[in-house]
Protein backbone atom coordinates (compact mmCIF):
# COMPACT_ATOMS: atom_id res chain seq x y z
CA MET A 1 18.29 -49.21 -50.80
CA ARG A 2 15.64 -47.94 -53.23
CA VAL A 3 18.21 -47.51 -55.68
CA LEU A 4 19.52 -51.34 -55.80
CA LEU A 5 15.84 -52.66 -55.88
CA VAL A 6 14.93 -50.22 -58.63
CA PHE A 7 18.05 -51.23 -60.69
CA VAL A 8 17.49 -55.05 -60.48
CA SER A 9 13.52 -54.58 -61.09
CA VAL A 10 13.86 -52.45 -64.03
CA MET A 11 17.11 -53.97 -65.66
CA PHE A 12 16.22 -57.56 -65.16
CA LEU A 13 12.44 -57.52 -64.91
CA ALA A 14 10.68 -60.40 -66.07
CA SER A 15 9.24 -59.99 -69.47
CA CYS A 16 6.08 -62.23 -69.00
CA SER A 17 3.06 -60.35 -70.12
CA SER A 18 4.93 -57.32 -70.74
CA LYS A 19 3.94 -56.83 -74.32
CA LEU A 20 0.40 -56.93 -73.29
CA ALA A 21 0.82 -54.44 -70.77
CA TYR A 22 2.73 -52.19 -73.03
CA ASN A 23 0.07 -52.42 -75.87
CA ASN A 24 -2.67 -51.59 -73.39
CA LEU A 25 -0.82 -48.89 -71.48
CA ASP A 26 -3.53 -46.48 -72.20
CA TRP A 27 -5.86 -48.76 -70.23
CA TRP A 28 -3.37 -49.02 -67.46
CA VAL A 29 -3.01 -45.30 -67.19
CA TYR A 30 -6.61 -44.41 -66.95
CA TRP A 31 -6.88 -47.39 -64.38
CA TYR A 32 -4.20 -45.76 -62.26
CA LEU A 33 -5.28 -42.14 -62.94
CA ASP A 34 -8.79 -43.07 -61.69
CA ASP A 35 -7.17 -43.58 -58.19
CA TYR A 36 -6.38 -39.82 -58.10
CA ILE A 37 -8.69 -37.90 -60.06
CA GLU A 38 -11.49 -38.45 -62.35
CA LEU A 39 -11.26 -36.63 -65.75
CA LYS A 40 -14.36 -34.69 -67.35
CA ASP A 41 -15.13 -35.91 -70.99
CA GLU A 42 -13.56 -32.98 -72.60
CA GLN A 43 -10.36 -33.58 -70.13
CA GLU A 44 -10.22 -37.25 -71.08
CA GLU A 45 -10.62 -36.62 -74.74
CA LYS A 46 -7.44 -34.20 -74.56
CA PHE A 47 -5.75 -36.72 -72.35
CA ASP A 48 -6.17 -39.70 -74.43
CA ASP A 49 -4.78 -37.60 -77.51
CA TYR A 50 -1.80 -36.78 -75.74
CA LEU A 51 -1.33 -40.25 -74.45
CA GLN A 52 -1.48 -41.77 -77.99
CA ASN A 53 1.16 -39.02 -78.86
CA TRP A 54 3.28 -40.14 -76.04
CA LEU A 55 3.19 -43.83 -76.86
CA ARG A 56 4.30 -43.07 -80.43
CA TRP A 57 7.06 -40.74 -79.13
CA HIS A 58 8.24 -43.51 -76.81
CA LYS A 59 8.39 -46.39 -79.14
CA THR A 60 10.17 -44.48 -81.76
CA SER A 61 12.38 -42.62 -79.61
CA GLU A 62 12.96 -44.44 -76.26
CA LEU A 63 12.61 -48.12 -76.96
CA LYS A 64 16.05 -48.05 -78.99
CA ARG A 65 17.67 -46.75 -76.13
CA TYR A 66 16.38 -49.31 -73.79
CA GLN A 67 17.39 -52.09 -76.12
CA ALA A 68 20.88 -50.73 -76.52
CA GLN A 69 21.48 -50.33 -72.45
CA LEU A 70 20.39 -53.75 -71.87
CA THR A 71 22.46 -55.27 -74.80
CA ASP A 72 25.49 -53.28 -73.13
CA ILE A 73 24.75 -54.74 -69.58
CA LYS A 74 24.31 -58.25 -71.40
CA GLN A 75 27.83 -57.95 -73.29
CA GLN A 76 29.42 -56.85 -69.89
CA ILE A 77 27.98 -59.47 -67.90
CA LYS A 78 29.32 -61.96 -70.54
CA GLU A 79 32.82 -60.37 -70.59
CA ARG A 80 32.73 -60.09 -66.57
CA ARG A 81 33.50 -56.41 -66.87
CA LEU A 82 30.53 -54.87 -65.13
CA ASP A 83 32.33 -53.21 -62.41
CA SER A 84 31.00 -50.32 -59.87
CA ASN A 85 31.70 -47.74 -62.35
CA ALA A 86 29.68 -49.58 -65.30
CA VAL A 87 26.86 -50.05 -62.75
CA LEU A 88 26.94 -46.34 -61.84
CA GLU A 89 26.69 -45.40 -65.42
CA HIS A 90 23.72 -47.50 -66.02
CA LEU A 91 21.90 -46.25 -62.88
CA ALA A 92 22.47 -42.81 -64.35
CA SER A 93 21.32 -43.91 -67.90
CA ALA A 94 17.98 -45.43 -65.96
CA ARG A 95 17.56 -42.05 -64.45
CA ALA A 96 17.88 -40.18 -67.86
CA HIS A 97 15.44 -42.59 -69.39
CA TRP A 98 12.87 -41.41 -66.81
CA GLU A 99 13.97 -37.70 -66.93
CA ARG A 100 13.16 -37.85 -70.78
CA VAL A 101 9.63 -39.22 -70.50
CA ARG A 102 8.85 -36.81 -67.31
CA ASP A 103 10.23 -34.04 -69.60
CA GLU A 104 8.16 -35.12 -72.67
CA VAL A 105 4.75 -35.40 -71.07
CA SER A 106 4.98 -32.44 -68.38
CA PRO A 107 4.25 -29.61 -70.52
CA GLU A 108 1.07 -31.40 -71.79
CA LEU A 109 -0.09 -32.57 -68.22
CA ALA A 110 0.26 -28.84 -67.06
CA GLU A 111 -2.07 -27.81 -70.07
CA ILE A 112 -4.43 -30.35 -68.69
CA ALA A 113 -3.91 -29.40 -65.02
CA LYS A 114 -4.82 -25.80 -65.50
CA THR A 115 -8.52 -27.02 -66.53
CA LEU A 116 -9.10 -28.88 -63.27
CA ASP A 117 -11.83 -27.41 -61.27
CA ASP A 118 -11.84 -27.10 -57.28
CA GLU A 119 -13.47 -30.48 -56.73
CA GLN A 120 -10.84 -32.24 -58.86
CA VAL A 121 -8.02 -30.46 -57.25
CA VAL A 122 -9.39 -31.39 -53.62
CA THR A 123 -9.77 -34.99 -54.79
CA LEU A 124 -6.28 -34.97 -56.20
CA PHE A 125 -4.20 -33.83 -53.34
CA ALA A 126 -6.65 -35.73 -50.69
CA ALA A 127 -5.46 -39.16 -52.71
CA LEU A 128 -1.93 -38.03 -52.45
CA GLU A 129 -2.22 -37.49 -48.92
CA LYS A 130 -3.84 -40.73 -48.23
CA ASP A 131 -0.81 -42.48 -50.01
CA ASN A 132 1.42 -40.27 -47.54
CA LYS A 133 -0.18 -41.49 -44.55
CA GLU A 134 -0.10 -45.07 -45.56
CA GLU A 135 3.67 -44.82 -46.23
CA GLU A 136 3.72 -43.10 -42.89
CA GLU A 137 2.05 -45.96 -41.20
CA GLU A 138 4.60 -48.58 -42.91
CA ARG A 139 7.34 -46.61 -41.62
CA LYS A 140 6.20 -46.63 -38.26
CA GLU A 141 5.68 -50.38 -38.27
CA SER A 142 9.17 -50.62 -39.29
CA LEU A 143 10.51 -48.29 -36.68
CA GLU A 144 8.86 -50.49 -34.07
CA LYS A 145 11.00 -53.41 -35.06
CA SER A 146 14.45 -53.63 -33.66
CA ASP A 147 17.86 -52.87 -35.65
CA GLU A 148 18.67 -56.30 -36.26
CA GLU A 149 15.06 -57.16 -37.46
CA ARG A 150 15.19 -54.15 -40.05
CA LEU A 151 18.48 -55.47 -41.20
CA GLU A 152 16.99 -58.96 -41.59
CA ASP A 153 14.34 -57.55 -43.72
CA ARG A 154 16.41 -55.78 -45.83
CA ILE A 155 18.95 -58.58 -46.47
CA GLU A 156 16.02 -60.82 -47.40
CA ARG A 157 14.64 -58.17 -50.00
CA ILE A 158 18.00 -57.86 -51.42
CA GLU A 159 18.34 -61.74 -51.77
CA GLU A 160 15.25 -62.16 -53.14
CA ALA A 161 15.28 -59.26 -55.83
CA ILE A 162 18.75 -60.82 -56.94
CA SER A 163 17.99 -64.75 -56.79
CA GLU A 164 14.69 -64.03 -58.94
CA ARG A 165 17.22 -63.24 -61.69
CA VAL A 166 20.17 -65.36 -61.34
CA GLY A 167 18.85 -68.14 -59.12
CA LYS A 168 19.88 -69.45 -55.62
CA LEU A 169 22.63 -67.46 -54.05
CA THR A 170 25.96 -69.11 -52.95
CA SER A 171 27.19 -68.71 -49.36
CA GLU A 172 29.67 -66.40 -50.72
CA GLN A 173 27.21 -64.42 -52.29
CA LYS A 174 24.89 -64.26 -49.38
CA GLN A 175 27.91 -62.75 -47.39
CA ILE A 176 28.46 -59.99 -49.68
CA VAL A 177 24.77 -59.21 -49.28
CA ASN A 178 25.24 -58.99 -45.63
CA THR A 179 28.47 -57.15 -45.59
CA TYR A 180 26.95 -54.32 -47.78
CA ALA A 181 23.32 -54.24 -46.24
CA THR A 182 24.63 -52.58 -43.09
CA GLN A 183 26.02 -49.82 -45.13
CA PHE A 184 22.75 -48.25 -46.43
CA ILE A 185 21.40 -45.31 -44.69
CA SER A 186 17.61 -45.29 -44.27
CA THR A 187 15.95 -42.69 -46.28
CA GLY A 188 12.54 -43.40 -45.87
CA GLY A 189 11.68 -40.41 -43.54
CA GLU A 190 13.55 -37.84 -45.90
CA TRP A 191 11.79 -39.23 -48.81
CA LEU A 192 8.22 -38.70 -47.17
CA THR A 193 9.29 -35.09 -46.09
CA TYR A 194 10.36 -34.63 -49.73
CA ARG A 195 7.13 -35.77 -50.93
CA ARG A 196 5.11 -33.45 -48.93
CA ASN A 197 7.50 -30.79 -49.84
CA ILE A 198 6.75 -30.82 -53.49
CA GLN A 199 3.06 -31.69 -52.79
CA ASN A 200 2.56 -28.74 -50.76
CA ALA A 201 4.14 -26.54 -53.34
CA ALA A 202 1.87 -27.85 -56.31
CA ARG A 203 -1.04 -27.33 -53.82
CA LYS A 204 0.01 -23.77 -53.56
CA LEU A 205 0.56 -23.30 -57.08
CA PHE A 206 -2.82 -24.80 -57.96
CA VAL A 207 -4.69 -22.23 -56.05
CA THR A 208 -3.30 -19.62 -58.94
CA ARG A 209 -4.40 -21.51 -61.65
CA LYS A 210 -7.23 -19.41 -62.72
CA PHE A 211 -5.53 -16.34 -62.73
CA ASN A 212 -1.85 -16.97 -62.90
CA ASP A 213 -0.62 -16.46 -66.70
CA ASN A 214 2.50 -18.32 -65.88
CA PHE A 215 0.71 -21.34 -63.88
CA GLU A 216 1.76 -23.81 -66.68
CA ALA A 217 5.46 -22.69 -66.80
CA GLU A 218 5.63 -23.12 -63.05
CA LEU A 219 4.01 -26.38 -63.00
CA VAL A 220 6.27 -27.78 -65.65
CA ASP A 221 9.32 -26.33 -63.88
CA LEU A 222 8.03 -27.91 -60.56
CA MET A 223 7.76 -31.29 -62.44
CA GLN A 224 11.10 -31.11 -64.10
CA THR A 225 13.22 -30.01 -61.38
CA PRO A 226 11.90 -32.35 -58.44
CA ASP A 227 15.37 -32.38 -56.81
CA SER A 228 15.03 -28.86 -55.49
CA TYR A 229 12.53 -30.13 -52.86
CA LYS A 230 14.76 -32.75 -51.47
CA SER A 231 16.93 -31.91 -48.42
CA ASP A 232 20.62 -32.04 -48.52
CA ILE A 233 20.72 -34.89 -46.19
CA TYR A 234 18.36 -36.82 -48.46
CA LYS A 235 20.48 -36.10 -51.51
CA GLN A 236 23.73 -36.99 -49.86
CA SER A 237 22.17 -40.35 -48.38
CA SER A 238 20.74 -41.12 -51.72
CA ALA A 239 24.08 -40.63 -53.27
CA HIS A 240 25.90 -42.87 -50.74
CA ASN A 241 23.28 -45.33 -51.01
CA MET A 242 23.55 -45.46 -54.92
CA THR A 243 27.60 -46.00 -54.56
CA VAL A 244 26.97 -48.94 -52.11
CA SER A 245 24.37 -50.55 -54.28
CA ALA A 246 26.75 -50.33 -57.33
CA THR A 247 29.64 -51.57 -55.40
CA LEU A 248 27.49 -54.66 -54.06
CA ILE A 249 25.93 -55.30 -57.53
CA SER A 250 29.55 -55.45 -59.05
CA GLU A 251 30.91 -57.75 -56.50
CA LEU A 252 27.86 -59.95 -56.77
CA PHE A 253 28.30 -60.24 -60.45
CA SER A 254 31.73 -61.04 -60.11
CA THR A 255 31.07 -64.08 -58.10
CA LEU A 256 28.16 -65.49 -60.51
CA THR A 257 28.61 -69.15 -61.23
CA ASP A 258 28.34 -70.16 -65.07
CA GLU A 259 24.81 -71.46 -64.42
CA GLN A 260 23.69 -68.22 -62.56
CA ARG A 261 25.45 -66.00 -65.46
CA GLU A 262 23.25 -68.22 -68.09
CA THR A 263 20.34 -67.44 -66.25
CA LEU A 264 21.00 -63.99 -66.00
CA ILE A 265 21.93 -63.49 -69.51
CA GLU A 266 18.48 -65.48 -70.54
CA ASN A 267 16.41 -62.92 -68.37
CA ILE A 268 18.12 -60.18 -70.28
CA ASP A 269 17.51 -61.73 -73.77
CA ASP A 270 14.06 -61.98 -72.71
CA LEU A 271 13.71 -58.34 -72.15
CA ILE A 272 15.69 -57.32 -75.25
CA ASN A 273 13.31 -59.33 -77.08
CA THR A 274 10.41 -57.97 -75.66
CA VAL A 275 11.66 -54.41 -76.31
CA GLU A 276 12.09 -55.62 -79.59
CA ASN A 277 8.67 -56.63 -79.93
CA PHE A 278 7.37 -53.40 -78.49
CA LYS A 279 9.14 -51.56 -81.53
CA GLY A 280 7.48 -53.62 -83.93
C-alpha cells in the first residue's frame, strides 16, 4: 500500500511551489531537523557546508536522472505501453534515486553524529520514539475499525491519489481499485518493528561514539544497509505489495480516457519543467 502511494506521490506530484521549496531546501532541512535535535554553532556551520555541497551534487548529478525517468514515463503513457513490468522498473529506479542520495550524505552525517554530546543524543532518540508512539496510536485506532472499514479507507486513499493526477475515475477504474485493494498485505506493525530495530541498533552504537574508532564506518553501514533490520515477513509482504501496486497501476493506466491521459501528461510535463528549472 505504501509503495503505491509513494509512487503516485513522487512520480506525479503537483509542481506548484516546488521550485520555491527546492531553492530554499536548506531552510526546510533545518526546520525539519529542529524537531529532532538542536545543533551547536560549530556543528551547524559544518552541516551547512555539507548541505550546500549535497545540493550542488544533487543538481548536477541527480536531477537529470529524474527528468529522464519522467520523460520515459510520459512516453510510455502516450504509447499505452506502461505495463506492470515497466511500473516495477520505475519503482526500482525511484528507490535507486533515494539510495544514491542516502549513500552520498551518510558519511558526512556520521562525521557530525560523532560530535553530538549526550544531551543531543538523548533528545534525538526521545524524539524518534515520540514519532513511534504516534504511529503506534494511529495503528491502534486503525485496528479498532472493522475489516470492511479499513478496506474502505484503503480504497478511498488509492482513489484520491489517482484521481488527483488523472481526474474523476470511471466506474470501471473504481472496480479495478476495489479488486486490487483487497490484495494488499498490511505492513504497519512490521514497519514499526523495523523502525525500532534500526533505532535501537543506532542507540547502542551512539553509546560507543567517544571511544570507538570505527563509529563513523559502522554508522554509515547502518544507514546504508537498512534492509538488514527488516524481518523476512516484512520484506516478503513489501515485495508482494509492490507487485500488486504495479499491476494495479498498469491496469488503471490501460483504461485511461483521452481526457484523463491528457490530464496526466500535463501533470508530468509540469514536473519535467520544474525539474528543468531546478537544474538552471
